[in-house]
N, C-alpha and C. Protein backbone atom coordinates (compact mmCIF):
# COMPACT_ATOMS: atom_id res chain seq x y z
N MET A 1 -62.40 22.76 8.54
CA MET A 1 -61.38 23.25 7.69
C MET A 1 -60.48 24.41 8.49
N SER A 2 -59.41 24.11 8.07
CA SER A 2 -57.94 24.97 8.57
C SER A 2 -57.40 25.91 7.82
N ALA A 3 -56.96 27.04 7.89
CA ALA A 3 -56.07 27.97 7.11
C ALA A 3 -54.89 27.73 7.92
N GLN A 4 -53.95 28.04 6.82
CA GLN A 4 -52.37 28.26 7.27
C GLN A 4 -52.10 29.40 6.36
N THR A 5 -51.47 30.26 7.20
CA THR A 5 -50.60 31.20 6.48
C THR A 5 -49.28 31.39 6.67
N GLU A 6 -48.69 31.35 5.35
CA GLU A 6 -47.13 31.55 5.53
C GLU A 6 -46.62 32.88 5.38
N LEU A 7 -45.67 33.08 6.52
CA LEU A 7 -44.86 34.50 6.53
C LEU A 7 -43.62 34.53 5.94
N PRO A 8 -43.55 35.42 5.16
CA PRO A 8 -41.54 35.11 4.96
C PRO A 8 -40.89 35.19 6.16
N GLN A 9 -39.63 34.48 6.34
CA GLN A 9 -38.88 34.49 6.89
C GLN A 9 -37.76 35.75 7.00
N ILE A 10 -37.15 36.25 7.72
CA ILE A 10 -36.20 37.12 7.55
C ILE A 10 -34.81 36.62 8.31
N ASP A 11 -33.82 36.66 7.55
CA ASP A 11 -32.49 36.18 8.09
C ASP A 11 -32.08 37.36 9.07
N SER A 12 -32.07 37.23 10.00
CA SER A 12 -31.58 38.41 10.83
C SER A 12 -29.79 38.34 10.85
N GLU A 13 -29.29 37.38 10.47
CA GLU A 13 -27.72 37.45 10.28
C GLU A 13 -27.41 38.04 9.15
N THR A 14 -28.22 38.45 8.10
CA THR A 14 -28.36 39.27 6.95
C THR A 14 -28.72 40.41 6.68
N SER A 15 -29.30 40.68 7.99
CA SER A 15 -30.09 41.80 7.60
C SER A 15 -29.78 43.03 8.36
N GLY A 16 -28.39 42.74 9.47
CA GLY A 16 -27.86 43.39 10.21
C GLY A 16 -28.52 44.24 11.24
N SER A 17 -29.73 43.42 11.64
CA SER A 17 -30.78 44.05 12.76
C SER A 17 -30.79 43.09 13.65
N CYS A 18 -31.16 43.53 15.01
CA CYS A 18 -31.41 42.28 16.05
C CYS A 18 -32.93 42.05 16.13
N CYS A 19 -33.55 42.50 15.19
CA CYS A 19 -35.26 42.42 15.10
C CYS A 19 -35.33 41.81 13.68
N GLY A 20 -34.35 41.54 13.11
CA GLY A 20 -34.67 41.05 11.71
C GLY A 20 -35.05 42.16 10.52
N GLY A 21 -35.14 43.21 11.20
CA GLY A 21 -35.51 44.30 9.91
C GLY A 21 -36.98 44.23 10.06
N ALA A 22 -37.94 43.77 10.76
CA ALA A 22 -39.04 43.81 10.68
C ALA A 22 -39.68 44.89 11.04
N CYS A 23 -39.11 45.55 11.93
CA CYS A 23 -39.65 47.17 12.28
C CYS A 23 -39.66 48.41 11.23
N HIS A 24 -38.77 47.96 9.99
CA HIS A 24 -38.36 49.29 9.38
C HIS A 24 -38.40 48.89 7.86
N THR A 25 -38.35 49.92 7.05
CA THR A 25 -38.36 49.32 5.56
C THR A 25 -37.44 50.61 4.99
N ASP A 26 -36.99 49.99 3.66
CA ASP A 26 -35.97 50.90 3.12
C ASP A 26 -36.55 51.47 2.11
N ALA A 27 -37.90 51.46 2.07
CA ALA A 27 -38.72 52.16 0.65
C ALA A 27 -38.78 53.54 0.95
N ALA A 28 -38.37 54.03 -0.57
CA ALA A 28 -38.04 55.62 -0.18
C ALA A 28 -39.70 56.02 -0.17
N THR A 29 -39.61 57.27 0.39
CA THR A 29 -41.13 58.30 0.27
C THR A 29 -40.92 59.25 -0.71
N PRO A 30 -41.80 59.02 -1.26
CA PRO A 30 -41.94 60.34 -2.62
C PRO A 30 -41.82 61.72 -1.78
N ALA A 31 -41.20 62.42 -2.47
CA ALA A 31 -40.95 63.90 -1.95
C ALA A 31 -42.41 64.77 -2.04
N THR A 32 -42.59 65.61 -1.25
CA THR A 32 -43.62 66.43 -1.47
C THR A 32 -43.16 67.72 -2.28
N GLU A 33 -43.98 68.22 -3.01
CA GLU A 33 -43.81 69.62 -3.65
C GLU A 33 -43.47 70.64 -2.86
N GLY A 34 -42.46 71.36 -2.55
CA GLY A 34 -42.24 72.70 -1.95
C GLY A 34 -41.43 72.25 -0.53
N ALA A 35 -41.33 70.75 -0.60
CA ALA A 35 -40.72 70.17 0.60
C ALA A 35 -39.26 70.74 1.24
N VAL A 36 -38.56 70.49 2.59
CA VAL A 36 -37.47 70.58 2.28
C VAL A 36 -37.09 68.85 3.05
N THR A 37 -35.79 68.82 2.51
CA THR A 37 -35.19 67.54 2.59
C THR A 37 -33.74 67.96 3.53
N THR A 38 -33.77 67.15 4.70
CA THR A 38 -32.45 67.32 5.30
C THR A 38 -32.31 65.78 6.16
N VAL A 39 -31.00 65.98 5.69
CA VAL A 39 -30.05 64.51 6.28
C VAL A 39 -29.34 64.95 7.50
N TYR A 40 -29.76 64.08 8.75
CA TYR A 40 -29.13 64.28 9.59
C TYR A 40 -28.13 63.12 10.36
N GLU A 41 -27.08 63.24 10.90
CA GLU A 41 -26.39 62.06 11.45
C GLU A 41 -26.70 61.89 12.81
N VAL A 42 -26.87 60.73 13.29
CA VAL A 42 -27.44 60.21 14.45
C VAL A 42 -26.29 59.12 15.04
N LYS A 43 -25.75 59.20 16.08
CA LYS A 43 -24.98 58.03 16.54
C LYS A 43 -25.86 57.41 17.69
N GLY A 44 -25.19 56.36 17.61
CA GLY A 44 -25.59 55.10 18.39
C GLY A 44 -27.12 54.20 17.88
N MET A 45 -27.22 54.32 16.66
CA MET A 45 -28.29 53.42 16.20
C MET A 45 -27.95 52.29 15.34
N THR A 46 -28.64 51.21 16.13
CA THR A 46 -27.61 49.67 15.82
C THR A 46 -28.62 48.99 15.01
N CYS A 47 -29.95 49.17 15.27
CA CYS A 47 -30.85 48.03 14.25
C CYS A 47 -32.30 48.75 14.24
N GLY A 48 -32.92 48.00 13.67
CA GLY A 48 -34.48 48.84 13.18
C GLY A 48 -35.21 49.05 14.43
N HIS A 49 -35.09 48.47 15.42
CA HIS A 49 -35.56 49.02 16.51
C HIS A 49 -35.03 50.83 16.90
N CYS A 50 -33.98 50.77 16.99
CA CYS A 50 -33.14 52.13 16.88
C CYS A 50 -34.01 53.08 16.12
N GLU A 51 -34.07 52.64 14.63
CA GLU A 51 -34.32 53.47 13.52
C GLU A 51 -35.67 53.86 13.79
N GLY A 52 -36.70 52.88 14.62
CA GLY A 52 -38.22 53.42 14.34
C GLY A 52 -37.92 54.16 15.82
N ALA A 53 -37.04 54.14 16.80
CA ALA A 53 -37.50 55.08 18.00
C ALA A 53 -37.02 56.25 17.61
N VAL A 54 -36.16 56.49 16.74
CA VAL A 54 -35.57 57.90 16.22
C VAL A 54 -36.37 58.80 15.16
N ALA A 55 -37.04 57.43 14.23
CA ALA A 55 -38.34 58.13 13.45
C ALA A 55 -39.14 58.39 14.43
N GLY A 56 -39.71 58.11 15.12
CA GLY A 56 -40.92 58.04 15.99
C GLY A 56 -40.93 59.47 16.88
N GLU A 57 -39.92 59.89 17.11
CA GLU A 57 -39.72 60.90 17.84
C GLU A 57 -39.44 62.02 17.26
N ILE A 58 -38.84 62.00 15.85
CA ILE A 58 -38.79 63.30 15.01
C ILE A 58 -39.87 63.45 14.05
N SER A 59 -40.84 62.30 13.98
CA SER A 59 -41.95 62.46 13.49
C SER A 59 -43.06 63.56 14.07
N GLU A 60 -42.74 63.31 15.50
CA GLU A 60 -43.74 64.14 16.09
C GLU A 60 -43.46 65.72 16.15
N ILE A 61 -42.40 66.16 15.52
CA ILE A 61 -42.11 67.65 15.47
C ILE A 61 -43.11 68.11 14.22
N ALA A 62 -43.68 69.51 14.54
CA ALA A 62 -44.56 70.13 13.83
C ALA A 62 -44.23 70.26 12.36
N GLY A 63 -44.54 69.92 11.40
CA GLY A 63 -44.45 70.06 10.02
C GLY A 63 -43.77 68.81 9.10
N VAL A 64 -43.14 68.10 10.16
CA VAL A 64 -42.48 66.48 9.39
C VAL A 64 -43.42 65.85 8.60
N ALA A 65 -43.21 65.92 7.45
CA ALA A 65 -43.89 64.80 6.89
C ALA A 65 -43.60 63.39 6.53
N SER A 66 -42.13 63.23 6.54
CA SER A 66 -41.85 61.58 6.52
C SER A 66 -40.33 61.94 7.21
N VAL A 67 -39.90 60.57 7.86
CA VAL A 67 -38.55 60.14 8.33
C VAL A 67 -38.10 58.94 7.88
N THR A 68 -36.93 58.68 7.78
CA THR A 68 -36.22 57.77 7.05
C THR A 68 -34.91 57.72 7.82
N ALA A 69 -35.04 56.49 8.85
CA ALA A 69 -33.65 56.44 9.82
C ALA A 69 -32.96 55.05 8.91
N VAL A 70 -31.52 54.90 9.28
CA VAL A 70 -30.75 54.06 8.67
C VAL A 70 -29.77 53.80 9.42
N ALA A 71 -29.75 52.70 10.36
CA ALA A 71 -28.87 52.48 11.44
C ALA A 71 -27.45 52.22 11.01
N ALA A 72 -27.54 51.30 9.57
CA ALA A 72 -26.00 51.10 8.96
C ALA A 72 -25.46 52.40 8.58
N THR A 73 -26.06 53.66 8.05
CA THR A 73 -25.20 54.58 7.91
C THR A 73 -25.21 55.79 8.93
N GLY A 74 -25.96 55.54 9.92
CA GLY A 74 -26.42 56.96 10.95
C GLY A 74 -27.07 57.87 10.34
N GLN A 75 -27.55 57.53 9.32
CA GLN A 75 -28.41 59.01 9.04
C GLN A 75 -29.92 58.97 9.09
N VAL A 76 -30.36 60.08 8.94
CA VAL A 76 -31.72 60.10 9.20
C VAL A 76 -32.14 61.18 8.37
N THR A 77 -33.05 60.61 7.09
CA THR A 77 -33.76 61.86 6.32
C THR A 77 -34.81 62.36 6.61
N VAL A 78 -35.18 63.23 6.74
CA VAL A 78 -36.40 64.25 7.36
C VAL A 78 -36.75 65.00 6.19
N VAL A 79 -38.21 64.75 5.69
CA VAL A 79 -38.55 65.53 4.79
C VAL A 79 -40.10 66.75 5.63
N SER A 80 -39.87 67.63 5.33
CA SER A 80 -40.72 68.93 6.50
C SER A 80 -41.24 69.83 5.38
N ALA A 81 -42.28 70.48 5.76
CA ALA A 81 -43.02 71.45 5.10
C ALA A 81 -41.83 72.56 5.06
N ALA A 82 -41.26 72.99 5.90
CA ALA A 82 -40.18 73.83 6.14
C ALA A 82 -38.60 73.64 6.72
N PRO A 83 -37.87 74.31 6.93
CA PRO A 83 -36.94 73.60 7.50
C PRO A 83 -36.92 73.75 9.24
N LEU A 84 -36.57 72.72 9.79
CA LEU A 84 -36.67 72.53 11.11
C LEU A 84 -35.78 73.00 12.06
N ASP A 85 -35.98 73.52 13.14
CA ASP A 85 -35.34 74.02 13.85
C ASP A 85 -34.25 72.74 14.48
N GLU A 86 -32.92 72.95 14.48
CA GLU A 86 -32.12 71.85 14.92
C GLU A 86 -32.36 71.58 16.51
N GLU A 87 -32.24 72.27 17.29
CA GLU A 87 -32.59 72.16 18.31
C GLU A 87 -33.93 71.34 18.64
N ALA A 88 -34.92 71.55 18.27
CA ALA A 88 -36.17 70.46 18.13
C ALA A 88 -35.64 69.24 17.41
N VAL A 89 -35.07 68.92 16.62
CA VAL A 89 -34.18 67.79 16.16
C VAL A 89 -33.44 67.10 17.29
N ARG A 90 -32.56 67.85 17.87
CA ARG A 90 -31.52 67.31 18.73
C ARG A 90 -32.52 67.01 20.17
N ALA A 91 -33.50 67.54 20.39
CA ALA A 91 -34.02 67.32 21.52
C ALA A 91 -34.73 65.88 21.74
N ALA A 92 -35.42 65.96 19.95
CA ALA A 92 -36.54 64.26 19.81
C ALA A 92 -35.26 63.14 19.67
N VAL A 93 -34.19 63.58 19.05
CA VAL A 93 -32.91 62.35 18.99
C VAL A 93 -32.73 61.96 20.53
N ASP A 94 -32.36 63.02 21.24
CA ASP A 94 -32.11 62.83 22.75
C ASP A 94 -33.19 62.01 23.04
N GLU A 95 -34.49 62.31 23.32
CA GLU A 95 -35.68 61.75 23.61
C GLU A 95 -35.40 60.17 23.48
N ALA A 96 -35.26 60.15 22.09
CA ALA A 96 -35.19 58.34 21.82
C ALA A 96 -34.03 57.70 22.31
N GLY A 97 -33.14 58.54 23.12
CA GLY A 97 -32.05 57.84 23.52
C GLY A 97 -30.40 57.67 22.54
N TYR A 98 -30.54 58.79 21.73
CA TYR A 98 -29.52 58.77 20.88
C TYR A 98 -29.00 60.26 20.65
N GLU A 99 -27.98 60.25 19.93
CA GLU A 99 -27.10 61.75 19.90
C GLU A 99 -27.05 62.16 18.54
N LEU A 100 -27.24 63.52 18.45
CA LEU A 100 -27.45 64.21 17.15
C LEU A 100 -25.96 64.53 16.69
N VAL A 101 -25.39 64.09 15.52
CA VAL A 101 -23.93 64.36 15.80
C VAL A 101 -23.89 65.78 14.92
């Protein structure tokens, strides 16, 4: 007996990502009551891998609940328990190899 699994194919030409968008999602994260949502502009992101690198570094900042990075717009939306120190965000973005505008 053999099993075959079919996975959906992602067209990298239409997804705008060098990795076919397989490492990110556009799904919205529900807001947490009392949370602060801040949108930052990050220069240099070009694909889903970039989005993941930036989101991964920012998510390590204490108090961060969720991070959504979108390479196409350069916007990074961060939901946190309290306002974040901009220098901490700048350092995280720099560590990922990008620039906070």
